[in-house]
Amino acid sequence: METYCIYETIYLDRLSKSYKIILTIDRKPNGPLSTRIKTIQNNPLSPFQVNDECIPNCLLAVLNENLEFVCLPQLPTLITYLTANNYKIDYNLTTLLTSKNININQNNSKILFYISYG
């Protein structure tokens, strides 16, 4: 069984010149969700943001059925998709890590929840 972390991530869309809060995942998942993941450039949010070797240059964005970024208001639709495709939301792990204010991602991201598959 594999466990993945879903984040809400602030993303600078250089085409529209706007900030978006999109959903990202820590790594390419197994199962049907893998077809809804797109690797995108992790653009600095400001010209003053210092490049840090610990921050990856890419993000793994979660896409909806129209192959657009899943944004926070679409979270219920994503949860429906995940449960319909045999992913399980790991409430205990999510509660444990978020209650301790553990942030294992440095991409301007916040942990939303953990999912398991397999």
PDB file of N, CA and C in Angstrom:
ATOM      1  N   MET A   1       0.849  -1.172   0.000  1.00  0.00           N
ATOM      2  CA  MET A   1       0.000   0.000   0.000  1.00  0.00           C
ATOM      3  C   MET A   1       0.900   1.242   0.000  1.00  0.00           C
ATOM      4  N   GLU A   2       0.593   2.163  -0.860  1.00  0.00           N
ATOM      5  CA  GLU A   2       1.339   3.410  -0.973  1.00  0.00           C
ATOM      6  C   GLU A   2       0.548   4.556  -0.346  1.00  0.00           C
ATOM      7  N   THR A   3       1.235   5.476   0.298  1.00  0.00           N
ATOM      8  CA  THR A   3       0.612   6.654   0.891  1.00  0.00           C
ATOM      9  C   THR A   3       1.158   7.897   0.213  1.00  0.00           C
ATOM     10  N   TYR A   4       0.263   8.832  -0.100  1.00  0.00           N
ATOM     11  CA  TYR A   4       0.629  10.071  -0.795  1.00  0.00           C
ATOM     12  C   TYR A   4       0.062  11.261  -0.030  1.00  0.00           C
ATOM     13  N   CYS A   5       0.714  12.388  -0.172  1.00  0.00           N
ATOM     14  CA  CYS A   5       0.241  13.609   0.482  1.00  0.00           C
ATOM     15  C   CYS A   5      -0.327  14.567  -0.560  1.00  0.00           C
ATOM     16  N   ILE A   6      -1.532  15.067  -0.291  1.00  0.00           N
ATOM     17  CA  ILE A   6      -2.159  16.086  -1.138  1.00  0.00           C
ATOM     18  C   ILE A   6      -1.972  17.436  -0.443  1.00  0.00           C
ATOM     19  N   TYR A   7      -1.477  18.405  -1.189  1.00  0.00           N
ATOM     20  CA  TYR A   7      -1.207  19.741  -0.657  1.00  0.00           C
ATOM     21  C   TYR A   7      -2.084  20.786  -1.340  1.00  0.00           C
ATOM     22  N   GLU A   8      -2.301  21.892  -0.657  1.00  0.00           N
ATOM     23  CA  GLU A   8      -2.784  23.101  -1.318  1.00  0.00           C
ATOM     24  C   GLU A   8      -1.539  23.957  -1.490  1.00  0.00           C
ATOM     25  N   THR A   9      -1.298  24.377  -2.720  1.00  0.00           N
ATOM     26  CA  THR A   9      -0.056  25.052  -3.071  1.00  0.00           C
ATOM     27  C   THR A   9      -0.346  26.366  -3.786  1.00  0.00           C
ATOM     28  N   ILE A  10       0.352  27.403  -3.374  1.00  0.00           N
ATOM     29  CA  ILE A  10       0.242  28.690  -4.069  1.00  0.00           C
ATOM     30  C   ILE A  10       1.114  28.594  -5.316  1.00  0.00           C
ATOM     31  N   TYR A  11       0.518  28.895  -6.450  1.00  0.00           N
ATOM     32  CA  TYR A  11       1.193  28.745  -7.744  1.00  0.00           C
ATOM     33  C   TYR A  11       1.060  30.044  -8.528  1.00  0.00           C
ATOM     34  N   LEU A  12       2.169  30.529  -9.060  1.00  0.00           N
ATOM     35  CA  LEU A  12       2.161  31.715  -9.916  1.00  0.00           C
ATOM     36  C   LEU A  12       2.009  31.260 -11.362  1.00  0.00           C
ATOM     37  N   ASP A  13       0.854  31.571 -11.947  1.00  0.00           N
ATOM     38  CA  ASP A  13       0.597  31.249 -13.346  1.00  0.00           C
ATOM     39  C   ASP A  13       1.139  32.406 -14.172  1.00  0.00           C
ATOM     40  N   ARG A  14       2.246  32.182 -14.840  1.00  0.00           N
ATOM     41  CA  ARG A  14       2.895  33.265 -15.590  1.00  0.00           C
ATOM     42  C   ARG A  14       2.097  33.684 -16.823  1.00  0.00           C
ATOM     43  N   LEU A  15       1.293  32.775 -17.380  1.00  0.00           N
ATOM     44  CA  LEU A  15       0.486  33.138 -18.541  1.00  0.00           C
ATOM     45  C   LEU A  15      -0.594  34.139 -18.165  1.00  0.00           C
ATOM     46  N   SER A  16      -1.349  33.829 -17.111  1.00  0.00           N
ATOM     47  CA  SER A  16      -2.424  34.741 -16.707  1.00  0.00           C
ATOM     48  C   SER A  16      -1.934  35.817 -15.735  1.00  0.00           C
ATOM     49  N   LYS A  17      -0.665  35.707 -15.334  1.00  0.00           N
ATOM     50  CA  LYS A  17      -0.062  36.650 -14.383  1.00  0.00           C
ATOM     51  C   LYS A  17      -0.899  36.759 -13.114  1.00  0.00           C
ATOM     52  N   SER A  18      -1.294  35.590 -12.598  1.00  0.00           N
ATOM     53  CA  SER A  18      -2.091  35.570 -11.374  1.00  0.00           C
ATOM     54  C   SER A  18      -1.646  34.411 -10.488  1.00  0.00           C
ATOM     55  N   TYR A  19      -1.961  34.547  -9.210  1.00  0.00           N
ATOM     56  CA  TYR A  19      -1.689  33.487  -8.258  1.00  0.00           C
ATOM     57  C   TYR A  19      -2.913  32.592  -8.164  1.00  0.00           C
ATOM     58  N   LYS A  20      -2.662  31.293  -8.048  1.00  0.00           N
ATOM     59  CA  LYS A  20      -3.742  30.328  -7.896  1.00  0.00           C
ATOM     60  C   LYS A  20      -3.386  29.406  -6.739  1.00  0.00           C
ATOM     61  N   ILE A  21      -4.391  28.941  -6.050  1.00  0.00           N
ATOM     62  CA  ILE A  21      -4.179  27.891  -5.052  1.00  0.00           C
ATOM     63  C   ILE A  21      -4.630  26.599  -5.706  1.00  0.00           C
ATOM     64  N   ILE A  22      -3.650  25.756  -6.017  1.00  0.00           N
ATOM     65  CA  ILE A  22      -3.926  24.501  -6.712  1.00  0.00           C
ATOM     66  C   ILE A  22      -3.601  23.331  -5.779  1.00  0.00           C
ATOM     67  N   LEU A  23      -4.092  22.157  -6.141  1.00  0.00           N
ATOM     68  CA  LEU A  23      -3.770  20.962  -5.379  1.00  0.00           C
ATOM     69  C   LEU A  23      -2.613  20.234  -6.050  1.00  0.00           C
ATOM     70  N   THR A  24      -1.652  19.824  -5.226  1.00  0.00           N
ATOM     71  CA  THR A  24      -0.480  19.100  -5.710  1.00  0.00           C
ATOM     72  C   THR A  24      -0.330  17.823  -4.887  1.00  0.00           C
ATOM     73  N   ILE A  25       0.533  16.951  -5.364  1.00  0.00           N
ATOM     74  CA  ILE A  25       0.784  15.676  -4.690  1.00  0.00           C
ATOM     75  C   ILE A  25       2.288  15.503  -4.560  1.00  0.00           C
ATOM     76  N   ASP A  26       2.723  14.744  -3.563  1.00  0.00           N
ATOM     77  CA  ASP A  26       4.151  14.633  -3.272  1.00  0.00           C
ATOM     78  C   ASP A  26       4.944  13.843  -4.312  1.00  0.00           C
ATOM     79  N   ARG A  27       4.299  12.894  -4.980  1.00  0.00           N
ATOM     80  CA  ARG A  27       4.991  12.125  -6.021  1.00  0.00           C
ATOM     81  C   ARG A  27       3.955  11.462  -6.915  1.00  0.00           C
ATOM     82  N   LYS A  28       4.411  10.962  -8.041  1.00  0.00           N
ATOM     83  CA  LYS A  28       3.506  10.315  -9.007  1.00  0.00           C
ATOM     84  C   LYS A  28       2.838   9.109  -8.348  1.00  0.00           C
ATOM     85  N   PRO A  29       1.496   9.090  -8.300  1.00  0.00           N
ATOM     86  CA  PRO A  29       0.802   7.996  -7.619  1.00  0.00           C
ATOM     87  C   PRO A  29       0.596   6.779  -8.510  1.00  0.00           C
ATOM     88  N   ASN A  30       0.353   5.661  -7.868  1.00  0.00           N
ATOM     89  CA  ASN A  30      -0.110   4.455  -8.556  1.00  0.00           C
ATOM     90  C   ASN A  30      -1.614   4.587  -8.756  1.00  0.00           C
ATOM     91  N   GLY A  31      -2.147   3.825  -9.697  1.00  0.00           N
ATOM     92  CA  GLY A  31      -3.584   3.794  -9.910  1.00  0.00           C
ATOM     93  C   GLY A  31      -4.069   4.858 -10.872  1.00  0.00           C
ATOM     94  N   PRO A  32      -5.398   5.005 -10.970  1.00  0.00           N
ATOM     95  CA  PRO A  32      -6.011   5.887 -11.963  1.00  0.00           C
ATOM     96  C   PRO A  32      -5.655   7.368 -11.799  1.00  0.00           C
ATOM     97  N   LEU A  33      -5.340   7.780 -10.575  1.00  0.00           N
ATOM     98  CA  LEU A  33      -4.986   9.187 -10.361  1.00  0.00           C
ATOM     99  C   LEU A  33      -3.741   9.587 -11.150  1.00  0.00           C
ATOM    100  N   SER A  34      -2.896   8.631 -11.477  1.00  0.00           N
ATOM    101  CA  SER A  34      -1.653   8.934 -12.202  1.00  0.00           C
ATOM    102  C   SER A  34      -1.911   9.605 -13.552  1.00  0.00           C
ATOM    103  N   THR A  35      -3.094   9.362 -14.146  1.00  0.00           N
ATOM    104  CA  THR A  35      -3.422   9.982 -15.436  1.00  0.00           C
ATOM    105  C   THR A  35      -3.879  11.433 -15.269  1.00  0.00           C
ATOM    106  N   ARG A  36      -4.061  11.860 -14.019  1.00  0.00           N
ATOM    107  CA  ARG A  36      -4.520  13.225 -13.729  1.00  0.00           C
ATOM    108  C   ARG A  36      -3.445  14.036 -13.010  1.00  0.00           C
ATOM    109  N   ILE A  37      -2.193  13.721 -13.290  1.00  0.00           N
ATOM    110  CA  ILE A  37      -1.078  14.431 -12.684  1.00  0.00           C
ATOM    111  C   ILE A  37      -0.258  15.064 -13.806  1.00  0.00           C
ATOM    112  N   LYS A  38       0.122  16.321 -13.586  1.00  0.00           N
ATOM    113  CA  LYS A  38       0.938  17.034 -14.575  1.00  0.00           C
ATOM    114  C   LYS A  38       2.118  17.684 -13.861  1.00  0.00           C
ATOM    115  N   THR A  39       3.313  17.483 -14.413  1.00  0.00           N
ATOM    116  CA  THR A  39       4.501  18.126 -13.868  1.00  0.00           C
ATOM    117  C   THR A  39       4.558  19.555 -14.396  1.00  0.00           C
ATOM    118  N   ILE A  40       4.653  20.522 -13.473  1.00  0.00           N
ATOM    119  CA  ILE A  40       4.705  21.936 -13.851  1.00  0.00           C
ATOM    120  C   ILE A  40       5.896  22.614 -13.181  1.00  0.00           C
ATOM    121  N   GLN A  41       6.312  23.711 -13.758  1.00  0.00           N
ATOM    122  CA  GLN A  41       7.423  24.493 -13.212  1.00  0.00           C
ATOM    123  C   GLN A  41       6.999  25.152 -11.900  1.00  0.00           C
ATOM    124  N   ASN A  42       7.844  25.063 -10.895  1.00  0.00           N
ATOM    125  CA  ASN A  42       7.601  25.712  -9.605  1.00  0.00           C
ATOM    126  C   ASN A  42       8.155  27.135  -9.686  1.00  0.00           C
ATOM    127  N   ASN A  43       7.324  28.059 -10.187  1.00  0.00           N
ATOM    128  CA  ASN A  43       7.768  29.432 -10.391  1.00  0.00           C
ATOM    129  C   ASN A  43       7.925  30.164  -9.064  1.00  0.00           C
ATOM    130  N   PRO A  44       8.989  30.966  -8.911  1.00  0.00           N
ATOM    131  CA  PRO A  44       9.103  31.780  -7.699  1.00  0.00           C
ATOM    132  C   PRO A  44       7.891  32.708  -7.593  1.00  0.00           C
ATOM    133  N   LEU A  45       7.412  32.906  -6.368  1.00  0.00           N
ATOM    134  CA  LEU A  45       6.221  33.724  -6.170  1.00  0.00           C
ATOM    135  C   LEU A  45       6.526  35.220  -6.219  1.00  0.00           C
ATOM    136  N   SER A  46       7.792  35.571  -6.097  1.00  0.00           N
ATOM    137  CA  SER A  46       8.175  36.979  -6.196  1.00  0.00           C
ATOM    138  C   SER A  46       9.610  37.049  -6.693  1.00  0.00           C
ATOM    139  N   PRO A  47      10.011  38.192  -7.245  1.00  0.00           N
ATOM    140  CA  PRO A  47      11.397  38.313  -7.709  1.00  0.00           C
ATOM    141  C   PRO A  47      12.390  38.311  -6.550  1.00  0.00           C
ATOM    142  N   PHE A  48      11.887  38.459  -5.341  1.00  0.00           N
ATOM    143  CA  PHE A  48      12.753  38.492  -4.165  1.00  0.00           C
ATOM    144  C   PHE A  48      12.931  37.122  -3.523  1.00  0.00           C
ATOM    145  N   GLN A  49      12.222  36.141  -4.053  1.00  0.00           N
ATOM    146  CA  GLN A  49      12.334  34.793  -3.503  1.00  0.00           C
ATOM    147  C   GLN A  49      13.684  34.210  -3.886  1.00  0.00           C
ATOM    148  N   VAL A  50      14.404  33.761  -2.887  1.00  0.00           N
ATOM    149  CA  VAL A  50      15.747  33.223  -3.087  1.00  0.00           C
ATOM    150  C   VAL A  50      15.648  31.778  -3.543  1.00  0.00           C
ATOM    151  N   ASN A  51      16.486  31.414  -4.521  1.00  0.00           N
ATOM    152  CA  ASN A  51      16.538  30.017  -4.945  1.00  0.00           C
ATOM    153  C   ASN A  51      17.139  29.191  -3.824  1.00  0.00           C
ATOM    154  N   ASP A  52      16.493  28.117  -3.496  1.00  0.00           N
ATOM    155  CA  ASP A  52      16.930  27.228  -2.434  1.00  0.00           C
ATOM    156  C   ASP A  52      17.069  25.843  -3.039  1.00  0.00           C
ATOM    157  N   GLU A  53      18.227  25.235  -2.843  1.00  0.00           N
ATOM    158  CA  GLU A  53      18.462  23.907  -3.425  1.00  0.00           C
ATOM    159  C   GLU A  53      17.502  22.863  -2.885  1.00  0.00           C
ATOM    160  N   CYS A  54      16.910  23.110  -1.706  1.00  0.00           N
ATOM    161  CA  CYS A  54      15.995  22.142  -1.100  1.00  0.00           C
ATOM    162  C   CYS A  54      14.604  22.205  -1.731  1.00  0.00           C
ATOM    163  N   ILE A  55      14.285  23.301  -2.401  1.00  0.00           N
ATOM    164  CA  ILE A  55      12.972  23.444  -3.019  1.00  0.00           C
ATOM    165  C   ILE A  55      13.040  22.925  -4.446  1.00  0.00           C
ATOM    166  N   PRO A  56      12.227  21.919  -4.764  1.00  0.00           N
ATOM    167  CA  PRO A  56      12.261  21.361  -6.122  1.00  0.00           C
ATOM    168  C   PRO A  56      11.828  22.380  -7.173  1.00  0.00           C
ATOM    169  N   ASN A  57      12.334  22.193  -8.391  1.00  0.00           N
ATOM    170  CA  ASN A  57      11.982  23.081  -9.491  1.00  0.00           C
ATOM    171  C   ASN A  57      10.624  22.748 -10.090  1.00  0.00           C
ATOM    172  N   CYS A  58      10.082  21.595  -9.744  1.00  0.00           N
ATOM    173  CA  CYS A  58       8.815  21.165 -10.333  1.00  0.00           C
ATOM    174  C   CYS A  58       7.798  20.801  -9.249  1.00  0.00           C
ATOM    175  N   LEU A  59       6.541  20.912  -9.633  1.00  0.00           N
ATOM    176  CA  LEU A  59       5.420  20.491  -8.799  1.00  0.00           C
ATOM    177  C   LEU A  59       4.639  19.438  -9.572  1.00  0.00           C
ATOM    178  N   LEU A  60       3.941  18.586  -8.853  1.00  0.00           N
ATOM    179  CA  LEU A  60       3.048  17.608  -9.475  1.00  0.00           C
ATOM    180  C   LEU A  60       1.626  18.069  -9.202  1.00  0.00           C
ATOM    181  N   ALA A  61       1.039  18.730 -10.187  1.00  0.00           N
ATOM    182  CA  ALA A  61      -0.305  19.287 -10.047  1.00  0.00           C
ATOM    183  C   ALA A  61      -1.348  18.216 -10.326  1.00  0.00           C
ATOM    184  N   VAL A  62      -2.436  18.272  -9.557  1.00  0.00           N
ATOM    185  CA  VAL A  62      -3.566  17.365  -9.757  1.00  0.00           C
ATOM    186  C   VAL A  62      -4.528  18.037 -10.738  1.00  0.00           C
ATOM    187  N   LEU A  63      -4.988  17.289 -11.731  1.00  0.00           N
ATOM    188  CA  LEU A  63      -5.878  17.818 -12.764  1.00  0.00           C
ATOM    189  C   LEU A  63      -7.286  17.255 -12.600  1.00  0.00           C
ATOM    190  N   ASN A  64      -8.263  18.020 -13.076  1.00  0.00           N
ATOM    191  CA  ASN A  64      -9.653  17.542 -13.048  1.00  0.00           C
ATOM    192  C   ASN A  64      -9.976  16.809 -14.353  1.00  0.00           C
ATOM    193  N   GLU A  65     -11.238  16.473 -14.549  1.00  0.00           N
ATOM    194  CA  GLU A  65     -11.639  15.717 -15.750  1.00  0.00           C
ATOM    195  C   GLU A  65     -11.440  16.506 -17.037  1.00  0.00           C
ATOM    196  N   ASN A  66     -11.333  17.851 -16.936  1.00  0.00           N
ATOM    197  CA  ASN A  66     -11.078  18.695 -18.112  1.00  0.00           C
ATOM    198  C   ASN A  66      -9.594  18.981 -18.292  1.00  0.00           C
ATOM    199  N   LEU A  67      -8.772  18.280 -17.509  1.00  0.00           N
ATOM    200  CA  LEU A  67      -7.310  18.437 -17.535  1.00  0.00           C
ATOM    201  C   LEU A  67      -6.873  19.858 -17.177  1.00  0.00           C
ATOM    202  N   GLU A  68      -7.604  20.475 -16.252  1.00  0.00           N
ATOM    203  CA  GLU A  68      -7.246  21.781 -15.687  1.00  0.00           C
ATOM    204  C   GLU A  68      -6.829  21.554 -14.245  1.00  0.00           C
ATOM    205  N   PHE A  69      -6.079  22.506 -13.691  1.00  0.00           N
ATOM    206  CA  PHE A  69      -5.662  22.379 -12.302  1.00  0.00           C
ATOM    207  C   PHE A  69      -6.865  22.253 -11.382  1.00  0.00           C
ATOM    208  N   VAL A  70      -6.785  21.350 -10.417  1.00  0.00           N
ATOM    209  CA  VAL A  70      -7.808  21.267  -9.379  1.00  0.00           C
ATOM    210  C   VAL A  70      -7.491  22.357  -8.364  1.00  0.00           C
ATOM    211  N   CYS A  71      -8.469  23.230  -8.142  1.00  0.00           N
ATOM    212  CA  CYS A  71      -8.332  24.309  -7.168  1.00  0.00           C
ATOM    213  C   CYS A  71      -9.144  23.950  -5.933  1.00  0.00           C
ATOM    214  N   LEU A  72      -8.918  24.659  -4.859  1.00  0.00           N
ATOM    215  CA  LEU A  72      -9.544  24.333  -3.589  1.00  0.00           C
ATOM    216  C   LEU A  72     -11.067  24.195  -3.646  1.00  0.00           C
ATOM    217  N   PRO A  73     -11.807  25.053  -4.365  1.00  0.00           N
ATOM    218  CA  PRO A  73     -13.263  24.863  -4.408  1.00  0.00           C
ATOM    219  C   PRO A  73     -13.703  23.537  -5.044  1.00  0.00           C
ATOM    220  N   GLN A  74     -12.804  22.894  -5.806  1.00  0.00           N
ATOM    221  CA  GLN A  74     -13.127  21.617  -6.444  1.00  0.00           C
ATOM    222  C   GLN A  74     -12.758  20.415  -5.572  1.00  0.00           C
ATOM    223  N   LEU A  75     -12.378  20.658  -4.333  1.00  0.00           N
ATOM    224  CA  LEU A  75     -11.964  19.585  -3.443  1.00  0.00           C
ATOM    225  C   LEU A  75     -13.022  18.496  -3.273  1.00  0.00           C
ATOM    226  N   PRO A  76     -14.314  18.824  -3.087  1.00  0.00           N
ATOM    227  CA  PRO A  76     -15.319  17.743  -2.966  1.00  0.00           C
ATOM    228  C   PRO A  76     -15.363  16.829  -4.190  1.00  0.00           C
ATOM    229  N   THR A  77     -15.186  17.390  -5.368  1.00  0.00           N
ATOM    230  CA  THR A  77     -15.178  16.581  -6.593  1.00  0.00           C
ATOM    231  C   THR A  77     -13.967  15.654  -6.612  1.00  0.00           C
ATOM    232  N   LEU A  78     -12.820  16.160  -6.187  1.00  0.00           N
ATOM    233  CA  LEU A  78     -11.622  15.320  -6.126  1.00  0.00           C
ATOM    234  C   LEU A  78     -11.810  14.190  -5.117  1.00  0.00           C
ATOM    235  N   ILE A  79     -12.372  14.492  -3.963  1.00  0.00           N
ATOM    236  CA  ILE A  79     -12.598  13.453  -2.949  1.00  0.00           C
ATOM    237  C   ILE A  79     -13.534  12.374  -3.489  1.00  0.00           C
ATOM    238  N   THR A  80     -14.570  12.784  -4.202  1.00  0.00           N
ATOM    239  CA  THR A  80     -15.486  11.819  -4.819  1.00  0.00           C
ATOM    240  C   THR A  80     -14.735  10.935  -5.807  1.00  0.00           C
ATOM    241  N   TYR A  81     -13.892  11.541  -6.640  1.00  0.00           N
ATOM    242  CA  TYR A  81     -13.100  10.783  -7.610  1.00  0.00           C
ATOM    243  C   TYR A  81     -12.180   9.792  -6.894  1.00  0.00           C
ATOM    244  N   LEU A  82     -11.505  10.248  -5.857  1.00  0.00           N
ATOM    245  CA  LEU A  82     -10.575   9.379  -5.135  1.00  0.00           C
ATOM    246  C   LEU A  82     -11.280   8.179  -4.515  1.00  0.00           C
ATOM    247  N   THR A  83     -12.385   8.414  -3.840  1.00  0.00           N
ATOM    248  CA  THR A  83     -13.091   7.295  -3.194  1.00  0.00           C
ATOM    249  C   THR A  83     -13.696   6.346  -4.226  1.00  0.00           C
ATOM    250  N   ALA A  84     -14.154   6.874  -5.350  1.00  0.00           N
ATOM    251  CA  ALA A  84     -14.715   6.020  -6.407  1.00  0.00           C
ATOM    252  C   ALA A  84     -13.641   5.158  -7.065  1.00  0.00           C
ATOM    253  N   ASN A  85     -12.376   5.569  -6.935  1.00  0.00           N
ATOM    254  CA  ASN A  85     -11.275   4.841  -7.565  1.00  0.00           C
ATOM    255  C   ASN A  85     -10.380   4.131  -6.551  1.00  0.00           C
ATOM    256  N   ASN A  86     -10.971   3.786  -5.391  1.00  0.00           N
ATOM    257  CA  ASN A  86     -10.314   2.953  -4.375  1.00  0.00           C
ATOM    258  C   ASN A  86      -9.138   3.597  -3.652  1.00  0.00           C
ATOM    259  N   TYR A  87      -9.092   4.930  -3.615  1.00  0.00           N
ATOM    260  CA  TYR A  87      -8.134   5.614  -2.762  1.00  0.00           C
ATOM    261  C   TYR A  87      -8.826   5.827  -1.418  1.00  0.00           C
ATOM    262  N   LYS A  88      -8.056   5.744  -0.357  1.00  0.00           N
ATOM    263  CA  LYS A  88      -8.610   5.945   0.974  1.00  0.00           C
ATOM    264  C   LYS A  88      -7.948   7.156   1.607  1.00  0.00           C
ATOM    265  N   ILE A  89      -8.760   8.040   2.166  1.00  0.00           N
ATOM    266  CA  ILE A  89      -8.218   9.191   2.875  1.00  0.00           C
ATOM    267  C   ILE A  89      -7.792   8.715   4.259  1.00  0.00           C
ATOM    268  N   ASP A  90      -6.538   8.958   4.591  1.00  0.00           N
ATOM    269  CA  ASP A  90      -5.989   8.501   5.865  1.00  0.00           C
ATOM    270  C   ASP A  90      -6.162   9.597   6.908  1.00  0.00           C
ATOM    271  N   TYR A  91      -7.309   9.577   7.556  1.00  0.00           N
ATOM    272  CA  TYR A  91      -7.664  10.600   8.537  1.00  0.00           C
ATOM    273  C   TYR A  91      -6.685  10.628   9.708  1.00  0.00           C
ATOM    274  N   ASN A  92      -6.288   9.444  10.206  1.00  0.00           N
ATOM    275  CA  ASN A  92      -5.393   9.384  11.372  1.00  0.00           C
ATOM    276  C   ASN A  92      -4.021   9.992  11.084  1.00  0.00           C
ATOM    277  N   LEU A  93      -3.435   9.641   9.955  1.00  0.00           N
ATOM    278  CA  LEU A  93      -2.129  10.192   9.598  1.00  0.00           C
ATOM    279  C   LEU A  93      -2.224  11.695   9.354  1.00  0.00           C
ATOM    280  N   THR A  94      -3.265  12.119   8.674  1.00  0.00           N
ATOM    281  CA  THR A  94      -3.468  13.542   8.422  1.00  0.00           C
ATOM    282  C   THR A  94      -3.589  14.307   9.730  1.00  0.00           C
ATOM    283  N   THR A  95      -4.390  13.792  10.656  1.00  0.00           N
ATOM    284  CA  THR A  95      -4.575  14.447  11.956  1.00  0.00           C
ATOM    285  C   THR A  95      -3.271  14.498  12.737  1.00  0.00           C
ATOM    286  N   LEU A  96      -2.537  13.413  12.747  1.00  0.00           N
ATOM    287  CA  LEU A  96      -1.277  13.347  13.476  1.00  0.00           C
ATOM    288  C   LEU A  96      -0.301  14.412  12.980  1.00  0.00           C
ATOM    289  N   LEU A  97      -0.108  14.469  11.677  1.00  0.00           N
ATOM    290  CA  LEU A  97       0.900  15.381  11.137  1.00  0.00           C
ATOM    291  C   LEU A  97       0.454  16.838  11.146  1.00  0.00           C
ATOM    292  N   THR A  98      -0.820  17.092  10.917  1.00  0.00           N
ATOM    293  CA  THR A  98      -1.269  18.483  10.928  1.00  0.00           C
ATOM    294  C   THR A  98      -1.397  19.021  12.345  1.00  0.00           C
ATOM    295  N   SER A  99      -1.696  18.174  13.320  1.00  0.00           N
ATOM    296  CA  SER A  99      -1.807  18.644  14.710  1.00  0.00           C
ATOM    297  C   SER A  99      -0.448  19.006  15.289  1.00  0.00           C
ATOM    298  N   LYS A 100       0.598  18.448  14.756  1.00  0.00           N
ATOM    299  CA  LYS A 100       1.961  18.745  15.213  1.00  0.00           C
ATOM    300  C   LYS A 100       2.595  19.879  14.409  1.00  0.00           C
ATOM    301  N   ASN A 101       1.810  20.471  13.493  1.00  0.00           N
ATOM    302  CA  ASN A 101       2.304  21.547  12.622  1.00  0.00           C
ATOM    303  C   ASN A 101       3.548  21.130  11.850  1.00  0.00           C
ATOM    304  N   ILE A 102       3.567  19.879  11.443  1.00  0.00           N
ATOM    305  CA  ILE A 102       4.681  19.371  10.647  1.00  0.00           C
ATOM    306  C   ILE A 102       4.419  19.745   9.194  1.00  0.00           C
ATOM    307  N   ASN A 103       5.371  20.432   8.598  1.00  0.00           N
ATOM    308  CA  ASN A 103       5.253  20.775   7.186  1.00  0.00           C
ATOM    309  C   ASN A 103       6.468  20.203   6.482  1.00  0.00           C
ATOM    310  N   ILE A 104       6.301  19.054   5.842  1.00  0.00           N
ATOM    311  CA  ILE A 104       7.434  18.381   5.216  1.00  0.00           C
ATOM    312  C   ILE A 104       7.661  18.854   3.789  1.00  0.00           C
ATOM    313  N   ASN A 105       6.869  19.799   3.337  1.00  0.00           N
ATOM    314  CA  ASN A 105       7.014  20.328   1.987  1.00  0.00           C
ATOM    315  C   ASN A 105       7.374  21.802   2.088  1.00  0.00           C
ATOM    316  N   GLN A 106       8.267  22.268   1.237  1.00  0.00           N
ATOM    317  CA  GLN A 106       8.712  23.644   1.292  1.00  0.00           C
ATOM    318  C   GLN A 106       8.294  24.438   0.055  1.00  0.00           C
ATOM    319  N   ASN A 107       7.259  24.017  -0.623  1.00  0.00           N
ATOM    320  CA  ASN A 107       6.843  24.635  -1.888  1.00  0.00           C
ATOM    321  C   ASN A 107       5.692  25.610  -1.713  1.00  0.00           C
ATOM    322  N   ASN A 108       5.704  26.427  -0.680  1.00  0.00           N
ATOM    323  CA  ASN A 108       4.577  27.324  -0.423  1.00  0.00           C
ATOM    324  C   ASN A 108       3.292  26.512  -0.331  1.00  0.00           C
ATOM    325  N   SER A 109       3.387  25.371   0.337  1.00  0.00           N
ATOM    326  CA  SER A 109       2.287  24.418   0.383  1.00  0.00           C
ATOM    327  C   SER A 109       1.852  24.138   1.814  1.00  0.00           C
ATOM    328  N   LYS A 110       0.611  23.663   1.907  1.00  0.00           N
ATOM    329  CA  LYS A 110       0.030  23.262   3.189  1.00  0.00           C
ATOM    330  C   LYS A 110      -0.583  21.882   3.002  1.00  0.00           C
ATOM    331  N   ILE A 111      -0.331  20.988   3.954  1.00  0.00           N
ATOM    332  CA  ILE A 111      -0.890  19.642   3.884  1.00  0.00           C
ATOM    333  C   ILE A 111      -2.404  19.716   3.987  1.00  0.00           C
ATOM    334  N   LEU A 112      -3.099  19.088   3.038  1.00  0.00           N
ATOM    335  CA  LEU A 112      -4.554  18.959   3.132  1.00  0.00           C
ATOM    336  C   LEU A 112      -4.911  17.611   3.740  1.00  0.00           C
ATOM    337  N   PHE A 113      -4.406  16.532   3.128  1.00  0.00           N
ATOM    338  CA  PHE A 113      -4.671  15.198   3.662  1.00  0.00           C
ATOM    339  C   PHE A 113      -3.769  14.188   2.988  1.00  0.00           C
ATOM    340  N   TYR A 114      -3.721  13.006   3.598  1.00  0.00           N
ATOM    341  CA  TYR A 114      -2.990  11.873   3.050  1.00  0.00           C
ATOM    342  C   TYR A 114      -3.978  10.876   2.470  1.00  0.00           C
ATOM    343  N   ILE A 115      -3.569  10.227   1.388  1.00  0.00           N
ATOM    344  CA  ILE A 115      -4.373   9.181   0.776  1.00  0.00           C
ATOM    345  C   ILE A 115      -3.524   7.919   0.648  1.00  0.00           C
ATOM    346  N   SER A 116      -4.193   6.782   0.619  1.00  0.00           N
ATOM    347  CA  SER A 116      -3.528   5.501   0.420  1.00  0.00           C
ATOM    348  C   SER A 116      -4.157   4.792  -0.774  1.00  0.00           C
ATOM    349  N   TYR A 117      -3.335   3.995  -1.439  1.00  0.00           N
ATOM    350  CA  TYR A 117      -3.837   3.225  -2.580  1.00  0.00           C
ATOM    351  C   TYR A 117      -3.132   1.868  -2.584  1.00  0.00           C
ATOM    352  N   GLY A 118      -3.889   0.851  -2.881  1.00  0.00           N
ATOM    353  CA  GLY A 118      -3.295  -0.474  -3.042  1.00  0.00           C
ATOM    354  C   GLY A 118      -3.763  -1.463  -2.031  1.00  0.00           C
TER     355      GLY A 118
END
